[in-house]
Amino acid sequence: MIRSLQDILVISDMDNTLLTPEDGVPPVNRETIRLFCMLGGRFTIATGRTAESAGRHLTSLTLSAPAILYGGGAIYDFEKQSYIQKTVLPGVAAKRAAMDVMASFPGVGVEVMTDDGGISIVRANEYTYRHTVHERLSYRMAPLEALNSGWNKVLFACPHETLLRIEAFLGKRSYPGVYFVATNRNYFEIMPEGVTKGTALQSLCEYLGIPLENTIAIGDYYNDLDLMRAAGHSVAMENAPQEVRLAASAVTGRCMDGGVAQVLYALIRKFT
C-alpha cells in the first residue's frame, strides 16, 4: 500500500521517455525529479545503455536508487560506482548468432557490450557512428573472434527495413540461451534468455525491500513492456506505439513536453 512518496519507486526508460539523445533531459523533467526525490520519493532508470552511456546524462540528474542497465542485464549503483547484479550471454550461442547475421547482412553495424563496461565495434556503419560518436562514448574496434567471453549484449544497428529482415532471419533459427529484441527502429539486440527490464525490476525491489506493487514504470517502446507489466502501475508515453499505450495503466505526455515530470508531479500532489 502506498501512503506517502517514501513508499514509491518510479523507474523510467531513458531514450525518448526521459530524454532524447539530441536534446538531453528536458529541464522540467530534471527539476521535477529533483523535487520528487527531495520529498522522499525514489527515482531511477531502466535502460539498454552501459554505465558510461547512461552516466553522461546523470551529472545534473538525481537518482535515488540503483539503475537497471543493459536492458536488464545489470543493476548498477551510480553513487557507489559498483554493480549489484550482472548477467552475461552464453558465449557460443551469442557468437554464432552474431556471425550468422554478419554473414547474411553485410551492411549491418555490430557492437558488443562487454562486462568490463566497454563497447567493442565489430563492424561500423552510419548507425554505430551515430550511437558512439554522437553520444561521445568510449569504444574500441575489435574483430568478433578477439572477443572471447563476458558479453552483456550484442547490438545490430541498421535501417528499420533491414532490422525486420534480421528479425525474420533469426526467428527461423535456434540459439539456446539467448533471445532477440528490437529496442528502437534501428537497433536489434541479442540478450541473455530470461533477462529483461522486468526481471531486473523484481531483483531491484528485493534488494531495496520495496513491494513490486509500489513501483511505477514509464516507457515508450516494445522492450519496455516487460518492465511495465512487472510494475505495480505502468505509464506509456504519448509517442509510444499503440500496443505499448494499450498495455499501460495510463498515458502521459511526450518526452520533450515533460511526460515524466507530469507523472512525478501528479504523485507529489497526491501524496504530499
Foldseek 3Di string as FASTA:
>chain_A
DDQFLLQAEEEEEPDFWQAHLVGAGAPLSQVLQVVSVVRRHAYEYAYLAFCVLVVVRPPSHDGPAWYHYNQQQWTADPVVRDTPHGDAFDQPLQLVLVVVCCVVPVAKWKWWQFPVRAIETQHDDVFVCCVPVSSVHDYYYDHSVVDRDGTQKMKIFDALVVVVVSQVVCVVDDRPQWDWDAPDSGIIMIHGPPGHSLVSVVVRCVVVVHDQLNYEYEEAEPSCLSVQVNHNFYEYEPNHPPVSRVSGPYYFYTRNVNRVSVVSVVSVVVRD
